[in-house]
């Protein structure tokens, strides 16, 4: 990240990509996702993160493996936040 402004832009672009591109990729890769028992969804999230890095100038991802790590951490944080908000 280059700064706070670019991080806000990353959040907005990630949200837009998750709304429009992610469902298309999930439908296309449904057989692979079923064979891997859902683990391929982390790869889809990594692809979305790399697309975001392509579109946003201040956001850089070194390699696919860092994007996959980002995807794992993001999924973990989302599940924590979802679990905490469900208890309220």
PDB file of N, CA and C in Angstrom:
ATOM      1  N   UNK A   1       0.831  -1.176   0.000  1.00  0.00           N
ATOM      2  CA  UNK A   1       0.000   0.000   0.000  1.00  0.00           C
ATOM      3  C   UNK A   1       0.877   1.240   0.000  1.00  0.00           C
ATOM      4  N   UNK A   2       0.484   2.194  -0.800  1.00  0.00           N
ATOM      5  CA  UNK A   2       1.234   3.439  -0.845  1.00  0.00           C
ATOM      6  C   UNK A   2       0.713   4.471   0.148  1.00  0.00           C
ATOM      7  N   UNK A   3      -0.518   4.320   0.610  1.00  0.00           N
ATOM      8  CA  UNK A   3      -1.059   5.286   1.555  1.00  0.00           C
ATOM      9  C   UNK A   3      -2.491   4.957   1.917  1.00  0.00           C
ATOM     10  N   UNK A   4      -3.059   5.814   2.752  1.00  0.00           N
ATOM     11  CA  UNK A   4      -4.417   5.595   3.213  1.00  0.00           C
ATOM     12  C   UNK A   4      -5.426   5.717   2.075  1.00  0.00           C
ATOM     13  N   UNK A   5      -5.207   6.645   1.181  1.00  0.00           N
ATOM     14  CA  UNK A   5      -6.125   6.836   0.052  1.00  0.00           C
ATOM     15  C   UNK A   5      -6.167   5.624  -0.857  1.00  0.00           C
ATOM     16  N   UNK A   6      -5.007   5.037  -1.105  1.00  0.00           N
ATOM     17  CA  UNK A   6      -4.989   3.850  -1.964  1.00  0.00           C
ATOM     18  C   UNK A   6      -5.626   2.656  -1.270  1.00  0.00           C
ATOM     19  N   UNK A   7      -5.542   2.594   0.061  1.00  0.00           N
ATOM     20  CA  UNK A   7      -6.193   1.485   0.763  1.00  0.00           C
ATOM     21  C   UNK A   7      -7.717   1.596   0.688  1.00  0.00           C
ATOM     22  N   UNK A   8      -8.236   2.808   0.722  1.00  0.00           N
ATOM     23  CA  UNK A   8      -9.687   3.006   0.561  1.00  0.00           C
ATOM     24  C   UNK A   8     -10.106   2.600  -0.853  1.00  0.00           C
ATOM     25  N   UNK A   9      -9.308   2.953  -1.832  1.00  0.00           N
ATOM     26  CA  UNK A   9      -9.607   2.577  -3.213  1.00  0.00           C
ATOM     27  C   UNK A   9      -9.550   1.059  -3.376  1.00  0.00           C
ATOM     28  N   UNK A  10      -8.591   0.400  -2.704  1.00  0.00           N
ATOM     29  CA  UNK A  10      -8.484  -1.059  -2.766  1.00  0.00           C
ATOM     30  C   UNK A  10      -9.744  -1.707  -2.205  1.00  0.00           C
ATOM     31  N   UNK A  11     -10.244  -1.186  -1.099  1.00  0.00           N
ATOM     32  CA  UNK A  11     -11.463  -1.739  -0.503  1.00  0.00           C
ATOM     33  C   UNK A  11     -12.637  -1.599  -1.465  1.00  0.00           C
ATOM     34  N   UNK A  12     -12.756  -0.458  -2.097  1.00  0.00           N
ATOM     35  CA  UNK A  12     -13.868  -0.230  -3.028  1.00  0.00           C
ATOM     36  C   UNK A  12     -13.742  -1.142  -4.249  1.00  0.00           C
ATOM     37  N   UNK A  13     -12.537  -1.239  -4.804  1.00  0.00           N
ATOM     38  CA  UNK A  13     -12.333  -2.088  -5.990  1.00  0.00           C
ATOM     39  C   UNK A  13     -12.542  -3.559  -5.643  1.00  0.00           C
ATOM     40  N   UNK A  14     -12.064  -3.994  -4.461  1.00  0.00           N
ATOM     41  CA  UNK A  14     -12.296  -5.387  -4.044  1.00  0.00           C
ATOM     42  C   UNK A  14     -13.782  -5.677  -3.901  1.00  0.00           C
ATOM     43  N   UNK A  15     -14.526  -4.727  -3.350  1.00  0.00           N
ATOM     44  CA  UNK A  15     -15.969  -4.918  -3.206  1.00  0.00           C
ATOM     45  C   UNK A  15     -16.643  -5.030  -4.571  1.00  0.00           C
ATOM     46  N   UNK A  16     -16.256  -4.179  -5.501  1.00  0.00           N
ATOM     47  CA  UNK A  16     -16.848  -4.217  -6.840  1.00  0.00           C
ATOM     48  C   UNK A  16     -16.499  -5.529  -7.549  1.00  0.00           C
ATOM     49  N   UNK A  17     -15.241  -5.951  -7.445  1.00  0.00           N
ATOM     50  CA  UNK A  17     -14.843  -7.217  -8.071  1.00  0.00           C
ATOM     51  C   UNK A  17     -15.544  -8.404  -7.430  1.00  0.00           C
ATOM     52  N   UNK A  18     -15.739  -8.363  -6.110  1.00  0.00           N
ATOM     53  CA  UNK A  18     -16.448  -9.453  -5.443  1.00  0.00           C
ATOM     54  C   UNK A  18     -17.919  -9.500  -5.823  1.00  0.00           C
ATOM     55  N   UNK A  19     -18.488  -8.355  -6.145  1.00  0.00           N
ATOM     56  CA  UNK A  19     -19.898  -8.325  -6.553  1.00  0.00           C
ATOM     57  C   UNK A  19     -20.074  -8.828  -7.981  1.00  0.00           C
ATOM     58  N   UNK A  20     -19.212  -8.410  -8.905  1.00  0.00           N
ATOM     59  CA  UNK A  20     -19.436  -8.690 -10.314  1.00  0.00           C
ATOM     60  C   UNK A  20     -18.608  -9.849 -10.875  1.00  0.00           C
ATOM     61  N   UNK A  21     -17.335  -9.936 -10.535  1.00  0.00           N
ATOM     62  CA  UNK A  21     -16.453 -10.925 -11.161  1.00  0.00           C
ATOM     63  C   UNK A  21     -16.447 -12.250 -10.407  1.00  0.00           C
ATOM     64  N   UNK A  22     -16.466 -12.184  -9.091  1.00  0.00           N
ATOM     65  CA  UNK A  22     -16.368 -13.399  -8.285  1.00  0.00           C
ATOM     66  C   UNK A  22     -17.486 -14.413  -8.561  1.00  0.00           C
ATOM     67  N   UNK A  23     -18.755 -14.004  -8.665  1.00  0.00           N
ATOM     68  CA  UNK A  23     -19.790 -15.009  -8.962  1.00  0.00           C
ATOM     69  C   UNK A  23     -19.592 -15.689 -10.321  1.00  0.00           C
ATOM     70  N   UNK A  24     -19.094 -14.948 -11.295  1.00  0.00           N
ATOM     71  CA  UNK A  24     -18.854 -15.540 -12.614  1.00  0.00           C
ATOM     72  C   UNK A  24     -17.750 -16.587 -12.525  1.00  0.00           C
ATOM     73  N   UNK A  25     -16.659 -16.249 -11.820  1.00  0.00           N
ATOM     74  CA  UNK A  25     -15.569 -17.209 -11.659  1.00  0.00           C
ATOM     75  C   UNK A  25     -16.003 -18.434 -10.857  1.00  0.00           C
ATOM     76  N   UNK A  26     -16.847 -18.221  -9.855  1.00  0.00           N
ATOM     77  CA  UNK A  26     -17.314 -19.354  -9.042  1.00  0.00           C
ATOM     78  C   UNK A  26     -18.207 -20.292  -9.847  1.00  0.00           C
ATOM     79  N   UNK A  27     -19.026 -19.758 -10.734  1.00  0.00           N
ATOM     80  CA  UNK A  27     -19.868 -20.605 -11.578  1.00  0.00           C
ATOM     81  C   UNK A  27     -19.022 -21.372 -12.576  1.00  0.00           C
ATOM     82  N   UNK A  28     -18.049 -20.699 -13.186  1.00  0.00           N
ATOM     83  CA  UNK A  28     -17.188 -21.353 -14.166  1.00  0.00           C
ATOM     84  C   UNK A  28     -16.357 -22.459 -13.526  1.00  0.00           C
ATOM     85  N   UNK A  29     -15.878 -22.210 -12.305  1.00  0.00           N
ATOM     86  CA  UNK A  29     -14.992 -23.183 -11.653  1.00  0.00           C
ATOM     87  C   UNK A  29     -15.716 -24.111 -10.696  1.00  0.00           C
ATOM     88  N   UNK A  30     -17.009 -24.237 -10.804  1.00  0.00           N
ATOM     89  CA  UNK A  30     -17.778 -25.084  -9.890  1.00  0.00           C
ATOM     90  C   UNK A  30     -17.306 -26.542  -9.868  1.00  0.00           C
ATOM     91  N   UNK A  31     -17.024 -27.172 -11.005  1.00  0.00           N
ATOM     92  CA  UNK A  31     -16.542 -28.562 -10.929  1.00  0.00           C
ATOM     93  C   UNK A  31     -15.210 -28.702 -10.177  1.00  0.00           C
ATOM     94  N   UNK A  32     -14.290 -27.773 -10.395  1.00  0.00           N
ATOM     95  CA  UNK A  32     -13.009 -27.829  -9.688  1.00  0.00           C
ATOM     96  C   UNK A  32     -13.210 -27.576  -8.199  1.00  0.00           C
ATOM     97  N   UNK A  33     -14.116 -26.659  -7.865  1.00  0.00           N
ATOM     98  CA  UNK A  33     -14.394 -26.359  -6.465  1.00  0.00           C
ATOM     99  C   UNK A  33     -15.000 -27.570  -5.765  1.00  0.00           C
ATOM    100  N   UNK A  34     -15.859 -28.294  -6.448  1.00  0.00           N
ATOM    101  CA  UNK A  34     -16.447 -29.500  -5.863  1.00  0.00           C
ATOM    102  C   UNK A  34     -15.379 -30.570  -5.668  1.00  0.00           C
ATOM    103  N   UNK A  35     -14.495 -30.741  -6.646  1.00  0.00           N
ATOM    104  CA  UNK A  35     -13.441 -31.760  -6.526  1.00  0.00           C
ATOM    105  C   UNK A  35     -12.463 -31.449  -5.395  1.00  0.00           C
ATOM    106  N   UNK A  36     -12.204 -30.168  -5.144  1.00  0.00           N
ATOM    107  CA  UNK A  36     -11.258 -29.795  -4.092  1.00  0.00           C
ATOM    108  C   UNK A  36     -11.960 -29.508  -2.768  1.00  0.00           C
ATOM    109  N   UNK A  37     -13.230 -29.845  -2.681  1.00  0.00           N
ATOM    110  CA  UNK A  37     -14.032 -29.655  -1.470  1.00  0.00           C
ATOM    111  C   UNK A  37     -14.053 -28.194  -1.003  1.00  0.00           C
ATOM    112  N   UNK A  38     -14.090 -27.287  -1.957  1.00  0.00           N
ATOM    113  CA  UNK A  38     -14.222 -25.868  -1.666  1.00  0.00           C
ATOM    114  C   UNK A  38     -12.918 -25.111  -1.529  1.00  0.00           C
ATOM    115  N   UNK A  39     -11.791 -25.793  -1.533  1.00  0.00           N
ATOM    116  CA  UNK A  39     -10.511 -25.113  -1.354  1.00  0.00           C
ATOM    117  C   UNK A  39     -10.128 -24.245  -2.549  1.00  0.00           C
ATOM    118  N   UNK A  40     -10.701 -24.528  -3.710  1.00  0.00           N
ATOM    119  CA  UNK A  40     -10.396 -23.718  -4.893  1.00  0.00           C
ATOM    120  C   UNK A  40     -10.951 -22.305  -4.757  1.00  0.00           C
ATOM    121  N   UNK A  41     -11.873 -22.096  -3.824  1.00  0.00           N
ATOM    122  CA  UNK A  41     -12.402 -20.743  -3.613  1.00  0.00           C
ATOM    123  C   UNK A  41     -11.307 -19.791  -3.116  1.00  0.00           C
ATOM    124  N   UNK A  42     -10.296 -20.316  -2.415  1.00  0.00           N
ATOM    125  CA  UNK A  42      -9.166 -19.477  -2.024  1.00  0.00           C
ATOM    126  C   UNK A  42      -8.383 -19.016  -3.253  1.00  0.00           C
ATOM    127  N   UNK A  43      -8.274 -19.870  -4.251  1.00  0.00           N
ATOM    128  CA  UNK A  43      -7.591 -19.502  -5.490  1.00  0.00           C
ATOM    129  C   UNK A  43      -8.389 -18.433  -6.224  1.00  0.00           C
ATOM    130  N   UNK A  44      -9.696 -18.551  -6.225  1.00  0.00           N
ATOM    131  CA  UNK A  44     -10.547 -17.540  -6.854  1.00  0.00           C
ATOM    132  C   UNK A  44     -10.372 -16.201  -6.148  1.00  0.00           C
ATOM    133  N   UNK A  45     -10.335 -16.230  -4.819  1.00  0.00           N
ATOM    134  CA  UNK A  45     -10.114 -14.983  -4.081  1.00  0.00           C
ATOM    135  C   UNK A  45      -8.744 -14.398  -4.383  1.00  0.00           C
ATOM    136  N   UNK A  46      -7.731 -15.245  -4.549  1.00  0.00           N
ATOM    137  CA  UNK A  46      -6.393 -14.760  -4.894  1.00  0.00           C
ATOM    138  C   UNK A  46      -6.396 -14.111  -6.273  1.00  0.00           C
ATOM    139  N   UNK A  47      -7.143 -14.680  -7.203  1.00  0.00           N
ATOM    140  CA  UNK A  47      -7.257 -14.088  -8.536  1.00  0.00           C
ATOM    141  C   UNK A  47      -7.928 -12.721  -8.454  1.00  0.00           C
ATOM    142  N   UNK A  48      -8.960 -12.595  -7.618  1.00  0.00           N
ATOM    143  CA  UNK A  48      -9.639 -11.316  -7.432  1.00  0.00           C
ATOM    144  C   UNK A  48      -8.669 -10.288  -6.840  1.00  0.00           C
ATOM    145  N   UNK A  49      -7.838 -10.701  -5.886  1.00  0.00           N
ATOM    146  CA  UNK A  49      -6.865  -9.799  -5.276  1.00  0.00           C
ATOM    147  C   UNK A  49      -5.826  -9.356  -6.301  1.00  0.00           C
ATOM    148  N   UNK A  50      -5.388 -10.274  -7.150  1.00  0.00           N
ATOM    149  CA  UNK A  50      -4.417  -9.902  -8.184  1.00  0.00           C
ATOM    150  C   UNK A  50      -5.045  -8.971  -9.219  1.00  0.00           C
ATOM    151  N   UNK A  51      -6.327  -9.169  -9.527  1.00  0.00           N
ATOM    152  CA  UNK A  51      -7.022  -8.231 -10.420  1.00  0.00           C
ATOM    153  C   UNK A  51      -7.096  -6.843  -9.792  1.00  0.00           C
ATOM    154  N   UNK A  52      -7.342  -6.802  -8.505  1.00  0.00           N
ATOM    155  CA  UNK A  52      -7.392  -5.525  -7.800  1.00  0.00           C
ATOM    156  C   UNK A  52      -6.032  -4.846  -7.851  1.00  0.00           C
ATOM    157  N   UNK A  53      -4.965  -5.598  -7.676  1.00  0.00           N
ATOM    158  CA  UNK A  53      -3.621  -5.027  -7.758  1.00  0.00           C
ATOM    159  C   UNK A  53      -3.327  -4.513  -9.156  1.00  0.00           C
ATOM    160  N   UNK A  54      -3.915  -5.132 -10.163  1.00  0.00           N
ATOM    161  CA  UNK A  54      -3.728  -4.678 -11.544  1.00  0.00           C
ATOM    162  C   UNK A  54      -4.433  -3.342 -11.771  1.00  0.00           C
ATOM    163  N   UNK A  55      -5.610  -3.166 -11.174  1.00  0.00           N
ATOM    164  CA  UNK A  55      -6.401  -1.962 -11.418  1.00  0.00           C
ATOM    165  C   UNK A  55      -5.996  -0.783 -10.543  1.00  0.00           C
ATOM    166  N   UNK A  56      -5.506  -1.030  -9.336  1.00  0.00           N
ATOM    167  CA  UNK A  56      -5.189   0.055  -8.398  1.00  0.00           C
ATOM    168  C   UNK A  56      -3.685   0.305  -8.419  1.00  0.00           C
ATOM    169  N   UNK A  57      -3.296   1.550  -8.671  1.00  0.00           N
ATOM    170  CA  UNK A  57      -1.880   1.888  -8.813  1.00  0.00           C
ATOM    171  C   UNK A  57      -1.104   1.769  -7.510  1.00  0.00           C
ATOM    172  N   UNK A  58      -1.672   2.135  -6.382  1.00  0.00           N
ATOM    173  CA  UNK A  58      -0.941   2.142  -5.127  1.00  0.00           C
ATOM    174  C   UNK A  58      -0.924   0.822  -4.396  1.00  0.00           C
ATOM    175  N   UNK A  59      -1.431  -0.248  -4.994  1.00  0.00           N
ATOM    176  CA  UNK A  59      -1.538  -1.557  -4.350  1.00  0.00           C
ATOM    177  C   UNK A  59      -0.754  -2.559  -5.172  1.00  0.00           C
ATOM    178  N   UNK A  60       0.223  -3.208  -4.553  1.00  0.00           N
ATOM    179  CA  UNK A  60       1.091  -4.144  -5.269  1.00  0.00           C
ATOM    180  C   UNK A  60       1.082  -5.499  -4.577  1.00  0.00           C
ATOM    181  N   UNK A  61       0.993  -6.550  -5.361  1.00  0.00           N
ATOM    182  CA  UNK A  61       1.097  -7.917  -4.858  1.00  0.00           C
ATOM    183  C   UNK A  61       2.286  -8.549  -5.571  1.00  0.00           C
ATOM    184  N   UNK A  62       3.230  -9.056  -4.801  1.00  0.00           N
ATOM    185  CA  UNK A  62       4.475  -9.576  -5.371  1.00  0.00           C
ATOM    186  C   UNK A  62       4.263 -10.802  -6.251  1.00  0.00           C
ATOM    187  N   UNK A  63       3.474 -11.772  -5.772  1.00  0.00           N
ATOM    188  CA  UNK A  63       3.289 -13.003  -6.533  1.00  0.00           C
ATOM    189  C   UNK A  63       1.926 -13.605  -6.205  1.00  0.00           C
ATOM    190  N   UNK A  64       1.609 -14.675  -6.895  1.00  0.00           N
ATOM    191  CA  UNK A  64       0.352 -15.373  -6.653  1.00  0.00           C
ATOM    192  C   UNK A  64       0.293 -15.927  -5.234  1.00  0.00           C
ATOM    193  N   UNK A  65       1.433 -16.360  -4.711  1.00  0.00           N
ATOM    194  CA  UNK A  65       1.454 -16.971  -3.372  1.00  0.00           C
ATOM    195  C   UNK A  65       1.136 -15.940  -2.297  1.00  0.00           C
ATOM    196  N   UNK A  66       1.591 -14.712  -2.466  1.00  0.00           N
ATOM    197  CA  UNK A  66       1.222 -13.664  -1.522  1.00  0.00           C
ATOM    198  C   UNK A  66      -0.262 -13.325  -1.635  1.00  0.00           C
ATOM    199  N   UNK A  67      -0.786 -13.368  -2.837  1.00  0.00           N
ATOM    200  CA  UNK A  67      -2.219 -13.144  -3.017  1.00  0.00           C
ATOM    201  C   UNK A  67      -3.020 -14.269  -2.365  1.00  0.00           C
ATOM    202  N   UNK A  68      -2.515 -15.500  -2.458  1.00  0.00           N
ATOM    203  CA  UNK A  68      -3.191 -16.627  -1.804  1.00  0.00           C
ATOM    204  C   UNK A  68      -3.134 -16.476  -0.291  1.00  0.00           C
ATOM    205  N   UNK A  69      -2.009 -16.035   0.241  1.00  0.00           N
ATOM    206  CA  UNK A  69      -1.900 -15.788   1.679  1.00  0.00           C
ATOM    207  C   UNK A  69      -2.855 -14.682   2.101  1.00  0.00           C
ATOM    208  N   UNK A  70      -2.928 -13.617   1.316  1.00  0.00           N
ATOM    209  CA  UNK A  70      -3.873 -12.530   1.575  1.00  0.00           C
ATOM    210  C   UNK A  70      -5.295 -13.081   1.565  1.00  0.00           C
ATOM    211  N   UNK A  71      -5.602 -13.963   0.635  1.00  0.00           N
ATOM    212  CA  UNK A  71      -6.926 -14.566   0.534  1.00  0.00           C
ATOM    213  C   UNK A  71      -7.257 -15.388   1.775  1.00  0.00           C
ATOM    214  N   UNK A  72      -6.308 -16.163   2.266  1.00  0.00           N
ATOM    215  CA  UNK A  72      -6.528 -16.965   3.477  1.00  0.00           C
ATOM    216  C   UNK A  72      -6.778 -16.072   4.687  1.00  0.00           C
ATOM    217  N   UNK A  73      -5.969 -15.031   4.834  1.00  0.00           N
ATOM    218  CA  UNK A  73      -6.143 -14.117   5.964  1.00  0.00           C
ATOM    219  C   UNK A  73      -7.470 -13.373   5.861  1.00  0.00           C
ATOM    220  N   UNK A  74      -7.811 -12.930   4.659  1.00  0.00           N
ATOM    221  CA  UNK A  74      -9.071 -12.227   4.446  1.00  0.00           C
ATOM    222  C   UNK A  74     -10.263 -13.121   4.757  1.00  0.00           C
ATOM    223  N   UNK A  75     -10.228 -14.368   4.351  1.00  0.00           N
ATOM    224  CA  UNK A  75     -11.313 -15.303   4.639  1.00  0.00           C
ATOM    225  C   UNK A  75     -11.441 -15.554   6.137  1.00  0.00           C
ATOM    226  N   UNK A  76     -10.301 -15.676   6.825  1.00  0.00           N
ATOM    227  CA  UNK A  76     -10.311 -15.892   8.263  1.00  0.00           C
ATOM    228  C   UNK A  76     -10.926 -14.699   8.992  1.00  0.00           C
ATOM    229  N   UNK A  77     -10.521 -13.486   8.616  1.00  0.00           N
ATOM    230  CA  UNK A  77     -11.050 -12.278   9.253  1.00  0.00           C
ATOM    231  C   UNK A  77     -12.538 -12.132   8.953  1.00  0.00           C
ATOM    232  N   UNK A  78     -12.958 -12.433   7.736  1.00  0.00           N
ATOM    233  CA  UNK A  78     -14.374 -12.346   7.394  1.00  0.00           C
ATOM    234  C   UNK A  78     -15.206 -13.342   8.189  1.00  0.00           C
ATOM    235  N   UNK A  79     -14.672 -14.540   8.423  1.00  0.00           N
ATOM    236  CA  UNK A  79     -15.413 -15.510   9.210  1.00  0.00           C
ATOM    237  C   UNK A  79     -15.489 -15.091  10.674  1.00  0.00           C
ATOM    238  N   UNK A  80     -14.421 -14.471  11.192  1.00  0.00           N
ATOM    239  CA  UNK A  80     -14.461 -13.957  12.567  1.00  0.00           C
ATOM    240  C   UNK A  80     -15.487 -12.851  12.710  1.00  0.00           C
ATOM    241  N   UNK A  81     -15.478 -11.912  11.786  1.00  0.00           N
ATOM    242  CA  UNK A  81     -16.425 -10.797  11.852  1.00  0.00           C
ATOM    243  C   UNK A  81     -17.858 -11.311  11.668  1.00  0.00           C
ATOM    244  N   UNK A  82     -18.042 -12.258  10.763  1.00  0.00           N
ATOM    245  CA  UNK A  82     -19.367 -12.835  10.558  1.00  0.00           C
ATOM    246  C   UNK A  82     -19.855 -13.588  11.787  1.00  0.00           C
ATOM    247  N   UNK A  83     -18.961 -14.292  12.453  1.00  0.00           N
ATOM    248  CA  UNK A  83     -19.339 -15.011  13.671  1.00  0.00           C
ATOM    249  C   UNK A  83     -19.660 -14.073  14.812  1.00  0.00           C
ATOM    250  N   UNK A  84     -18.910 -12.993  14.926  1.00  0.00           N
ATOM    251  CA  UNK A  84     -19.175 -12.027  15.983  1.00  0.00           C
ATOM    252  C   UNK A  84     -20.468 -11.260  15.739  1.00  0.00           C
ATOM    253  N   UNK A  85     -20.760 -10.953  14.483  1.00  0.00           N
ATOM    254  CA  UNK A  85     -21.991 -10.197  14.199  1.00  0.00           C
ATOM    255  C   UNK A  85     -23.218 -11.093  14.298  1.00  0.00           C
ATOM    256  N   UNK A  86     -23.063 -12.406  14.142  1.00  0.00           N
ATOM    257  CA  UNK A  86     -24.194 -13.320  14.254  1.00  0.00           C
ATOM    258  C   UNK A  86     -24.599 -13.513  15.718  1.00  0.00           C
ATOM    259  N   UNK A  87     -23.665 -13.343  16.634  1.00  0.00           N
ATOM    260  CA  UNK A  87     -23.961 -13.513  18.046  1.00  0.00           C
ATOM    261  C   UNK A  87     -24.667 -12.318  18.632  1.00  0.00           C
ATOM    262  N   UNK A  88     -24.562 -11.170  18.012  1.00  0.00           N
ATOM    263  CA  UNK A  88     -25.172  -9.953  18.567  1.00  0.00           C
ATOM    264  C   UNK A  88     -26.637  -9.918  18.367  1.00  0.00           C
TER     265      UNK A  88
END
